[in-house]
PDB file of N, CA and C in Angstrom:
ATOM      1  N   MET A   1     108.235 102.038 133.979  1.00  0.00           N
ATOM      2  CA  MET A   1     108.217 103.469 133.843  1.00  0.00           C
ATOM      3  C   MET A   1     109.563 104.070 134.234  1.00  0.00           C
ATOM      4  N   LYS A   2     110.156 104.770 133.249  1.00  0.00           N
ATOM      5  CA  LYS A   2     111.470 105.418 133.454  1.00  0.00           C
ATOM      6  C   LYS A   2     111.367 106.723 134.300  1.00  0.00           C
ATOM      7  N   GLN A   3     112.252 106.714 135.237  1.00  0.00           N
ATOM      8  CA  GLN A   3     112.222 107.908 136.106  1.00  0.00           C
ATOM      9  C   GLN A   3     112.774 109.170 135.456  1.00  0.00           C
ATOM     10  N   SER A   4     112.185 110.334 135.716  1.00  0.00           N
ATOM     11  CA  SER A   4     112.542 111.539 135.041  1.00  0.00           C
ATOM     12  C   SER A   4     114.000 112.028 135.519  1.00  0.00           C
ATOM     13  N   PRO A   5     114.850 112.421 134.616  1.00  0.00           N
ATOM     14  CA  PRO A   5     116.274 112.926 135.087  1.00  0.00           C
ATOM     15  C   PRO A   5     116.166 113.988 136.040  1.00  0.00           C
ATOM     16  N   PHE A   6     115.101 114.885 135.917  1.00  0.00           N
ATOM     17  CA  PHE A   6     115.012 115.969 136.933  1.00  0.00           C
ATOM     18  C   PHE A   6     114.885 115.439 138.372  1.00  0.00           C
ATOM     19  N   TRP A   7     113.939 114.491 138.561  1.00  0.00           N
ATOM     20  CA  TRP A   7     113.730 114.033 139.891  1.00  0.00           C
ATOM     21  C   TRP A   7     114.930 113.073 140.352  1.00  0.00           C
ATOM     22  N   SER A   8     115.616 112.364 139.432  1.00  0.00           N
ATOM     23  CA  SER A   8     116.705 111.538 139.894  1.00  0.00           C
ATOM     24  C   SER A   8     117.906 112.380 140.343  1.00  0.00           C
ATOM     25  N   LEU A   9     118.004 113.602 139.748  1.00  0.00           N
ATOM     26  CA  LEU A   9     119.069 114.515 140.249  1.00  0.00           C
ATOM     27  C   LEU A   9     118.650 115.458 141.452  1.00  0.00           C
ATOM     28  N   TRP A  10     117.448 115.973 141.389  1.00  0.00           N
ATOM     29  CA  TRP A  10     117.025 116.933 142.347  1.00  0.00           C
ATOM     30  C   TRP A  10     116.171 116.441 143.371  1.00  0.00           C
ATOM     31  N   GLY A  11     115.748 115.228 143.374  1.00  0.00           N
ATOM     32  CA  GLY A  11     114.730 114.691 144.347  1.00  0.00           C
ATOM     33  C   GLY A  11     115.175 114.816 145.823  1.00  0.00           C
ATOM     34  N   TRP A  12     116.387 114.296 146.155  1.00  0.00           N
ATOM     35  CA  TRP A  12     116.766 114.350 147.500  1.00  0.00           C
ATOM     36  C   TRP A  12     117.140 115.743 147.934  1.00  0.00           C
ATOM     37  N   PRO A  13     117.838 116.494 147.175  1.00  0.00           N
ATOM     38  CA  PRO A  13     118.056 117.976 147.578  1.00  0.00           C
ATOM     39  C   PRO A  13     116.735 118.700 147.871  1.00  0.00           C
ATOM     40  N   ILE A  14     115.733 118.499 147.096  1.00  0.00           N
ATOM     41  CA  ILE A  14     114.421 119.109 147.381  1.00  0.00           C
ATOM     42  C   ILE A  14     113.791 118.627 148.724  1.00  0.00           C
ATOM     43  N   VAL A  15     113.829 117.352 148.924  1.00  0.00           N
ATOM     44  CA  VAL A  15     113.415 116.771 150.216  1.00  0.00           C
ATOM     45  C   VAL A  15     114.173 117.371 151.357  1.00  0.00           C
ATOM     46  N   MET A  16     115.528 117.477 151.363  1.00  0.00           N
ATOM     47  CA  MET A  16     116.225 118.057 152.432  1.00  0.00           C
ATOM     48  C   MET A  16     115.937 119.512 152.542  1.00  0.00           C
ATOM     49  N   GLY A  17     115.667 120.184 151.470  1.00  0.00           N
ATOM     50  CA  GLY A  17     115.273 121.710 151.581  1.00  0.00           C
ATOM     51  C   GLY A  17     113.917 121.860 152.192  1.00  0.00           C
ATOM     52  N   VAL A  18     112.976 121.004 151.881  1.00  0.00           N
ATOM     53  CA  VAL A  18     111.679 121.035 152.483  1.00  0.00           C
ATOM     54  C   VAL A  18     111.842 120.777 154.050  1.00  0.00           C
ATOM     55  N   LEU A  19     112.473 119.763 154.368  1.00  0.00           N
ATOM     56  CA  LEU A  19     112.636 119.436 155.758  1.00  0.00           C
ATOM     57  C   LEU A  19     113.358 120.593 156.472  1.00  0.00           C
ATOM     58  N   THR A  20     114.401 121.211 155.942  1.00  0.00           N
ATOM     59  CA  THR A  20     115.033 122.341 156.623  1.00  0.00           C
ATOM     60  C   THR A  20     114.128 123.497 156.694  1.00  0.00           C
ATOM     61  N   THR A  21     113.379 123.851 155.689  1.00  0.00           N
ATOM     62  CA  THR A  21     112.572 124.954 155.692  1.00  0.00           C
ATOM     63  C   THR A  21     111.437 124.872 156.652  1.00  0.00           C
ATOM     64  N   THR A  22     110.744 123.666 156.689  1.00  0.00           N
ATOM     65  CA  THR A  22     109.681 123.444 157.591  1.00  0.00           C
ATOM     66  C   THR A  22     110.169 123.453 159.036  1.00  0.00           C
ATOM     67  N   GLY A  23     111.353 122.878 159.256  1.00  0.00           N
ATOM     68  CA  GLY A  23     111.852 122.852 160.628  1.00  0.00           C
ATOM     69  C   GLY A  23     112.229 124.290 161.084  1.00  0.00           C
ATOM     70  N   LEU A  24     112.774 125.106 160.253  1.00  0.00           N
ATOM     71  CA  LEU A  24     113.066 126.525 160.640  1.00  0.00           C
ATOM     72  C   LEU A  24     111.843 127.295 160.922  1.00  0.00           C
ATOM     73  N   ILE A  25     110.810 127.211 160.032  1.00  0.00           N
ATOM     74  CA  ILE A  25     109.613 127.964 160.211  1.00  0.00           C
ATOM     75  C   ILE A  25     108.868 127.537 161.480  1.00  0.00           C
ATOM     76  N   THR A  26     108.801 126.188 161.682  1.00  0.00           N
ATOM     77  CA  THR A  26     108.088 125.632 162.831  1.00  0.00           C
ATOM     78  C   THR A  26     108.786 126.067 164.120  1.00  0.00           C
ATOM     79  N   ALA A  27     110.108 126.051 164.103  1.00  0.00           N
ATOM     80  CA  ALA A  27     110.812 126.436 165.218  1.00  0.00           C
ATOM     81  C   ALA A  27     110.543 127.964 165.650  1.00  0.00           C
ATOM     82  N   LEU A  28     110.258 128.739 164.630  1.00  0.00           N
ATOM     83  CA  LEU A  28     110.124 130.230 164.926  1.00  0.00           C
ATOM     84  C   LEU A  28     108.655 130.511 165.404  1.00  0.00           C
ATOM     85  N   VAL A  29     107.597 129.788 164.798  1.00  0.00           N
ATOM     86  CA  VAL A  29     106.259 130.151 164.976  1.00  0.00           C
ATOM     87  C   VAL A  29     105.336 129.256 165.850  1.00  0.00           C
ATOM     88  N   SER A  30     105.866 128.089 166.183  1.00  0.00           N
ATOM     89  CA  SER A  30     105.108 127.080 166.944  1.00  0.00           C
ATOM     90  C   SER A  30     105.646 126.698 168.257  1.00  0.00           C
ATOM     91  N   ASP A  31     104.842 126.015 169.059  1.00  0.00           N
ATOM     92  CA  ASP A  31     105.309 125.618 170.343  1.00  0.00           C
ATOM     93  C   ASP A  31     104.891 124.193 170.560  1.00  0.00           C
ATOM     94  N   THR A  32     105.379 123.543 171.544  1.00  0.00           N
ATOM     95  CA  THR A  32     105.134 122.108 171.809  1.00  0.00           C
ATOM     96  C   THR A  32     105.469 121.100 170.723  1.00  0.00           C
ATOM     97  N   TRP A  33     104.371 120.812 169.917  1.00  0.00           N
ATOM     98  CA  TRP A  33     104.728 119.779 168.826  1.00  0.00           C
ATOM     99  C   TRP A  33     105.598 120.455 167.806  1.00  0.00           C
ATOM    100  N   GLY A  34     105.542 121.772 167.585  1.00  0.00           N
ATOM    101  CA  GLY A  34     106.504 122.422 166.750  1.00  0.00           C
ATOM    102  C   GLY A  34     107.976 122.338 167.105  1.00  0.00           C
ATOM    103  N   ASP A  35     108.173 122.282 168.374  1.00  0.00           N
ATOM    104  CA  ASP A  35     109.497 122.084 168.946  1.00  0.00           C
ATOM    105  C   ASP A  35     110.043 120.704 168.502  1.00  0.00           C
ATOM    106  N   TRP A  36     109.194 119.746 168.540  1.00  0.00           N
ATOM    107  CA  TRP A  36     109.547 118.336 168.194  1.00  0.00           C
ATOM    108  C   TRP A  36     109.842 118.277 166.698  1.00  0.00           C
ATOM    109  N   TRP A  37     108.921 118.976 165.922  1.00  0.00           N
ATOM    110  CA  TRP A  37     109.163 118.900 164.396  1.00  0.00           C
ATOM    111  C   TRP A  37     110.341 119.583 164.079  1.00  0.00           C
ATOM    112  N   SER A  38     110.701 120.719 164.753  1.00  0.00           N
ATOM    113  CA  SER A  38     111.808 121.441 164.328  1.00  0.00           C
ATOM    114  C   SER A  38     113.112 120.675 164.575  1.00  0.00           C
ATOM    115  N   TRP A  39     113.074 119.901 165.702  1.00  0.00           N
ATOM    116  CA  TRP A  39     114.284 119.025 165.953  1.00  0.00           C
ATOM    117  C   TRP A  39     114.452 117.967 164.859  1.00  0.00           C
ATOM    118  N   VAL A  40     113.344 117.355 164.428  1.00  0.00           N
ATOM    119  CA  VAL A  40     113.311 116.331 163.416  1.00  0.00           C
ATOM    120  C   VAL A  40     113.677 116.964 162.075  1.00  0.00           C
ATOM    121  N   GLY A  41     112.977 118.079 161.676  1.00  0.00           N
ATOM    122  CA  GLY A  41     113.218 118.683 160.393  1.00  0.00           C
ATOM    123  C   GLY A  41     114.639 119.258 160.240  1.00  0.00           C
ATOM    124  N   LEU A  42     115.271 119.695 161.262  1.00  0.00           N
ATOM    125  CA  LEU A  42     116.642 120.290 161.157  1.00  0.00           C
ATOM    126  C   LEU A  42     117.623 119.185 161.484  1.00  0.00           C
ATOM    127  N   GLY A  43     117.280 118.119 162.290  1.00  0.00           N
ATOM    128  CA  GLY A  43     118.136 117.078 162.635  1.00  0.00           C
ATOM    129  C   GLY A  43     118.452 116.068 161.446  1.00  0.00           C
ATOM    130  N   ILE A  44     117.445 115.765 160.729  1.00  0.00           N
ATOM    131  CA  ILE A  44     117.661 114.761 159.575  1.00  0.00           C
ATOM    132  C   ILE A  44     118.634 115.281 158.514  1.00  0.00           C
ATOM    133  N   PRO A  45     118.557 116.487 158.093  1.00  0.00           N
ATOM    134  CA  PRO A  45     119.540 117.007 157.156  1.00  0.00           C
ATOM    135  C   PRO A  45     120.943 117.077 157.654  1.00  0.00           C
ATOM    136  N   VAL A  46     121.077 117.386 159.008  1.00  0.00           N
ATOM    137  CA  VAL A  46     122.360 117.391 159.580  1.00  0.00           C
ATOM    138  C   VAL A  46     122.919 116.054 159.701  1.00  0.00           C
ATOM    139  N   ALA A  47     122.048 115.070 160.049  1.00  0.00           N
ATOM    140  CA  ALA A  47     122.619 113.588 160.147  1.00  0.00           C
ATOM    141  C   ALA A  47     123.032 113.144 158.835  1.00  0.00           C
ATOM    142  N   VAL A  48     122.212 113.407 157.759  1.00  0.00           N
ATOM    143  CA  VAL A  48     122.550 112.979 156.344  1.00  0.00           C
ATOM    144  C   VAL A  48     123.916 113.528 155.995  1.00  0.00           C
ATOM    145  N   MET A  49     124.053 114.793 156.212  1.00  0.00           N
ATOM    146  CA  MET A  49     125.220 115.518 155.781  1.00  0.00           C
ATOM    147  C   MET A  49     126.462 114.988 156.614  1.00  0.00           C
ATOM    148  N   SER A  50     126.259 114.735 157.858  1.00  0.00           N
ATOM    149  CA  SER A  50     127.363 114.106 158.639  1.00  0.00           C
ATOM    150  C   SER A  50     127.738 112.687 158.152  1.00  0.00           C
ATOM    151  N   TRP A  51     126.742 111.927 157.856  1.00  0.00           N
ATOM    152  CA  TRP A  51     127.068 110.636 157.411  1.00  0.00           C
ATOM    153  C   TRP A  51     127.819 110.600 156.013  1.00  0.00           C
ATOM    154  N   THR A  52     127.334 111.485 155.085  1.00  0.00           N
ATOM    155  CA  THR A  52     127.998 111.564 153.770  1.00  0.00           C
ATOM    156  C   THR A  52     129.398 112.147 153.821  1.00  0.00           C
ATOM    157  N   CYS A  53     129.631 112.989 154.812  1.00  0.00           N
ATOM    158  CA  CYS A  53     130.963 113.608 154.810  1.00  0.00           C
ATOM    159  C   CYS A  53     131.883 112.849 155.737  1.00  0.00           C
ATOM    160  N   TRP A  54     131.408 111.860 156.476  1.00  0.00           N
ATOM    161  CA  TRP A  54     132.259 111.038 157.323  1.00  0.00           C
ATOM    162  C   TRP A  54     133.159 110.115 156.383  1.00  0.00           C
ATOM    163  N   PRO A  55     134.431 109.994 156.667  1.00  0.00           N
ATOM    164  CA  PRO A  55     135.322 109.114 155.871  1.00  0.00           C
ATOM    165  C   PRO A  55     134.919 107.708 156.046  1.00  0.00           C
ATOM    166  N   HIS A  56     134.628 107.044 154.935  1.00  0.00           N
ATOM    167  CA  HIS A  56     134.278 105.633 155.005  1.00  0.00           C
ATOM    168  C   HIS A  56     135.469 104.808 154.534  1.00  0.00           C
ATOM    169  N   LYS A  57     135.568 103.589 155.098  1.00  0.00           N
ATOM    170  CA  LYS A  57     136.624 102.708 154.744  1.00  0.00           C
ATOM    171  C   LYS A  57     136.400 102.161 153.327  1.00  0.00           C
ATOM    172  N   GLN A  58     137.407 102.179 152.565  1.00  0.00           N
ATOM    173  CA  GLN A  58     137.349 101.763 151.201  1.00  0.00           C
ATOM    174  C   GLN A  58     137.370 100.266 151.126  1.00  0.00           C
ATOM    175  N   PRO A  59     136.483  99.551 150.431  1.00  0.00           N
ATOM    176  CA  PRO A  59     136.490  98.007 150.396  1.00  0.00           C
ATOM    177  C   PRO A  59     137.808  97.576 149.783  1.00  0.00           C
ATOM    178  N   ALA A  60     138.165  96.380 150.231  1.00  0.00           N
ATOM    179  CA  ALA A  60     139.556  95.834 149.792  1.00  0.00           C
ATOM    180  C   ALA A  60     139.547  95.502 148.339  1.00  0.00           C
ATOM    181  N   ALA A  61     138.424  95.084 147.812  1.00  0.00           N
ATOM    182  CA  ALA A  61     138.501  94.836 146.308  1.00  0.00           C
ATOM    183  C   ALA A  61     138.727  96.162 145.500  1.00  0.00           C
ATOM    184  N   THR A  62     138.135  97.258 145.966  1.00  0.00           N
ATOM    185  CA  THR A  62     138.352  98.415 145.177  1.00  0.00           C
ATOM    186  C   THR A  62     139.745  99.020 145.409  1.00  0.00           C
ATOM    187  N   ALA A  63     140.354  98.767 146.605  1.00  0.00           N
ATOM    188  CA  ALA A  63     141.649  99.280 146.938  1.00  0.00           C
ATOM    189  C   ALA A  63     142.680  98.463 146.095  1.00  0.00           C
ATOM    190  N   GLN A  64     142.477  97.258 145.828  1.00  0.00           N
ATOM    191  CA  GLN A  64     143.407  96.412 145.035  1.00  0.00           C
ATOM    192  C   GLN A  64     143.220  96.524 143.557  1.00  0.00           C
ATOM    193  N   GLY A  65     142.160  97.105 143.134  1.00  0.00           N
ATOM    194  CA  GLY A  65     141.936  97.150 141.660  1.00  0.00           C
ATOM    195  C   GLY A  65     140.937  96.026 141.247  1.00  0.00           C
ATOM    196  N   ALA A  66     140.585  96.088 140.054  1.00  0.00           N
ATOM    197  CA  ALA A  66     139.435  95.189 139.487  1.00  0.00           C
ATOM    198  C   ALA A  66     139.813  93.824 139.535  1.00  0.00           C
ATOM    199  N   HIS A  67     141.124  93.529 139.380  1.00  0.00           N
ATOM    200  CA  HIS A  67     141.516  92.068 139.214  1.00  0.00           C
ATOM    201  C   HIS A  67     142.267  91.484 140.385  1.00  0.00           C
ATOM    202  N   GLY A  68     142.018  92.108 141.505  1.00  0.00           N
ATOM    203  CA  GLY A  68     142.710  91.612 142.682  1.00  0.00           C
ATOM    204  C   GLY A  68     144.119  91.809 142.776  1.00  0.00           C
ATOM    205  N   GLN A  69     144.728  92.598 141.919  1.00  0.00           N
ATOM    206  CA  GLN A  69     146.191  92.887 141.943  1.00  0.00           C
ATOM    207  C   GLN A  69     146.391  94.252 142.678  1.00  0.00           C
ATOM    208  N   PRO A  70     147.459  94.234 143.468  1.00  0.00           N
ATOM    209  CA  PRO A  70     147.812  95.520 144.100  1.00  0.00           C
ATOM    210  C   PRO A  70     148.111  96.653 143.062  1.00  0.00           C
ATOM    211  N   PRO A  71     147.823  97.878 143.421  1.00  0.00           N
ATOM    212  CA  PRO A  71     148.064  98.997 142.499  1.00  0.00           C
ATOM    213  C   PRO A  71     149.515  99.086 142.212  1.00  0.00           C
ATOM    214  N   THR A  72     149.864  99.522 140.965  1.00  0.00           N
ATOM    215  CA  THR A  72     151.181  99.690 140.506  1.00  0.00           C
ATOM    216  C   THR A  72     151.682 100.981 140.999  1.00  0.00           C
ATOM    217  N   LYS A  73     153.054 101.250 140.851  1.00  0.00           N
ATOM    218  CA  LYS A  73     153.662 102.390 141.254  1.00  0.00           C
ATOM    219  C   LYS A  73     153.167 103.617 140.481  1.00  0.00           C
ATOM    220  N   THR A  74     152.917 103.368 139.120  1.00  0.00           N
ATOM    221  CA  THR A  74     152.450 104.385 138.314  1.00  0.00           C
ATOM    222  C   THR A  74     151.029 104.871 138.629  1.00  0.00           C
ATOM    223  N   ALA A  75     150.218 103.974 139.164  1.00  0.00           N
ATOM    224  CA  ALA A  75     148.785 104.349 139.506  1.00  0.00           C
ATOM    225  C   ALA A  75     148.886 105.088 140.806  1.00  0.00           C
ATOM    226  N   GLU A  76     149.795 104.696 141.693  1.00  0.00           N
ATOM    227  CA  GLU A  76     150.010 105.554 142.941  1.00  0.00           C
ATOM    228  C   GLU A  76     150.607 106.884 142.686  1.00  0.00           C
ATOM    229  N   ALA A  77     151.537 106.936 141.775  1.00  0.00           N
ATOM    230  CA  ALA A  77     152.237 108.254 141.534  1.00  0.00           C
ATOM    231  C   ALA A  77     151.274 109.245 140.800  1.00  0.00           C
ATOM    232  N   ALA A  78     150.285 108.627 140.041  1.00  0.00           N
ATOM    233  CA  ALA A  78     149.319 109.618 139.339  1.00  0.00           C
ATOM    234  C   ALA A  78     148.517 110.360 140.202  1.00  0.00           C
ATOM    235  N   GLY A  79     148.165 109.851 141.394  1.00  0.00           N
ATOM    236  CA  GLY A  79     147.430 110.512 142.319  1.00  0.00           C
ATOM    237  C   GLY A  79     148.000 111.488 143.219  1.00  0.00           C
ATOM    238  N   SER A  80     149.398 111.231 143.445  1.00  0.00           N
ATOM    239  CA  SER A  80     150.151 112.102 144.392  1.00  0.00           C
ATOM    240  C   SER A  80     150.692 113.274 143.730  1.00  0.00           C
ATOM    241  N   PRO A  81     150.909 114.443 144.413  1.00  0.00           N
ATOM    242  CA  PRO A  81     151.414 115.607 143.857  1.00  0.00           C
ATOM    243  C   PRO A  81     152.977 115.422 143.624  1.00  0.00           C
ATOM    244  N   THR A  82     153.475 116.138 142.694  1.00  0.00           N
ATOM    245  CA  THR A  82     154.958 116.053 142.460  1.00  0.00           C
ATOM    246  C   THR A  82     155.661 117.008 143.438  1.00  0.00           C
ATOM    247  N   PRO A  83     156.839 116.568 143.941  1.00  0.00           N
ATOM    248  CA  PRO A  83     157.531 117.422 144.873  1.00  0.00           C
ATOM    249  C   PRO A  83     158.109 118.607 144.144  1.00  0.00           C
ATOM    250  N   LEU A  84     158.196 119.709 144.848  1.00  0.00           N
ATOM    251  CA  LEU A  84     158.738 120.959 144.243  1.00  0.00           C
ATOM    252  C   LEU A  84     160.167 120.995 144.256  1.00  0.00           C
TER     253      LEU A  84
END
């Protein structure tokens, strides 16, 4: 069974939105167990966002190119801005 393009694109953002919304509402209107759920519901999206924004080390194979050769000067110069 093929997955719908809608859910493959919007599935995780909807899950993060539901977690955030329930965490905020629970923090405002509930006590005891609601305090715990608000921490979970608001903490998971923050943890996911922090993990995705954290700079990850690039694998050596990707840094060298597809054939194991170091990048050429033209490839390095293409990504750098030109001096004024």
